[in-house]
Amino acid sequence: MAKNEKTSNHIASKASSVLRSPNSSKSAKSIAGSALAQTGTGKTTSSKIATTASKALDSNRTGKTNKAIAGSVLTQKPGKRS
């Protein structure tokens, strides 16, 4: 179960920049969109977006900004954490 996590204003600002950038990948924009949708709401991350965010965190090609957004999105995934 999610711990009532919400996207911070700092991460929301980064996510907004990713969405506005024409150079951002489709997966980066998906993750950023999910983060923005969860700003100030009780919404949680879907399994599909969690998988995408996990792959982004594992990738050497993902930048620091996108990794921060992906990490935020993953903390909002309901269910067990190990």
Protein backbone atom coordinates (compact mmCIF):
# COMPACT_ATOMS: atom_id res chain seq x y z
CA MET A 1 0.00 0.00 0.00
CA ALA A 2 1.27 3.46 -0.85
CA LYS A 3 2.25 5.63 2.09
CA ASN A 4 0.23 8.62 0.92
CA GLU A 5 3.19 9.87 -1.12
CA LYS A 6 2.78 12.82 -3.46
CA THR A 7 5.05 14.33 -6.10
CA SER A 8 6.98 17.28 -4.66
CA ASN A 9 6.91 20.69 -6.30
CA HIS A 10 10.60 20.29 -7.17
CA ILE A 11 10.00 17.02 -9.05
CA ALA A 12 6.82 18.42 -10.64
CA SER A 13 8.85 21.32 -12.02
CA LYS A 14 11.42 18.91 -13.50
CA ALA A 15 8.62 16.76 -14.96
CA SER A 16 7.07 19.83 -16.57
CA SER A 17 10.40 20.65 -18.21
CA VAL A 18 10.70 17.11 -19.56
CA LEU A 19 7.20 17.28 -21.06
CA ARG A 20 7.93 20.62 -22.74
CA SER A 21 11.24 19.50 -24.20
CA PRO A 22 11.13 18.32 -27.82
CA ASN A 23 14.25 16.23 -27.12
CA SER A 24 12.68 14.09 -24.38
CA SER A 25 12.00 10.45 -25.18
CA LYS A 26 8.54 8.94 -25.20
CA SER A 27 9.26 6.94 -22.05
CA ALA A 28 10.64 10.01 -20.24
CA LYS A 29 7.48 11.91 -21.11
CA SER A 30 5.29 9.02 -19.89
CA ILE A 31 7.08 8.97 -16.56
CA ALA A 32 6.95 12.77 -16.26
CA GLY A 33 3.24 12.78 -17.07
CA SER A 34 2.60 10.23 -14.37
CA ALA A 35 4.55 12.30 -11.85
CA LEU A 36 2.55 15.42 -12.71
CA ALA A 37 -0.74 13.54 -12.50
CA GLN A 38 0.19 12.54 -8.95
CA THR A 39 1.07 16.05 -7.79
CA GLY A 40 -1.20 17.00 -4.92
CA THR A 41 -3.49 14.01 -5.42
CA GLY A 42 -3.94 10.53 -4.04
CA LYS A 43 -3.30 8.92 -7.41
CA THR A 44 -0.75 6.10 -7.59
CA THR A 45 1.60 4.73 -10.22
CA SER A 46 0.33 2.06 -12.59
CA SER A 47 2.27 -1.16 -13.12
CA LYS A 48 3.09 -0.16 -16.70
CA ILE A 49 4.61 3.17 -15.67
CA ALA A 50 6.41 1.53 -12.74
CA THR A 51 8.07 -0.89 -15.17
CA THR A 52 9.08 1.98 -17.45
CA ALA A 53 10.45 3.96 -14.50
CA SER A 54 12.39 0.93 -13.26
CA LYS A 55 13.99 0.46 -16.67
CA ALA A 56 14.89 4.17 -16.74
CA LEU A 57 16.62 3.87 -13.37
CA ASP A 58 18.59 0.84 -14.57
CA SER A 59 19.69 2.48 -17.82
CA ASN A 60 23.07 4.16 -18.13
CA ARG A 61 21.59 6.46 -20.77
CA THR A 62 19.04 8.04 -18.42
CA GLY A 63 20.02 11.46 -17.07
CA LYS A 64 19.88 12.60 -13.45
CA THR A 65 16.68 14.58 -13.94
CA ASN A 66 14.79 11.66 -15.46
CA LYS A 67 16.13 9.30 -12.78
CA ALA A 68 14.86 11.66 -10.06
CA ILE A 69 11.42 11.73 -11.65
CA ALA A 70 11.42 7.94 -12.10
CA GLY A 71 12.38 7.45 -8.46
CA SER A 72 9.55 9.70 -7.34
CA VAL A 73 7.06 7.81 -9.47
CA LEU A 74 8.24 4.47 -8.08
CA THR A 75 7.79 5.60 -4.47
CA GLN A 76 4.12 6.14 -5.30
CA LYS A 77 3.57 2.58 -6.54
CA PRO A 78 1.20 0.70 -4.23
CA GLY A 79 2.16 -2.73 -3.01
CA LYS A 80 5.07 -4.41 -1.29
CA ARG A 81 8.53 -2.89 -1.29
CA SER A 82 11.53 -5.05 -0.60
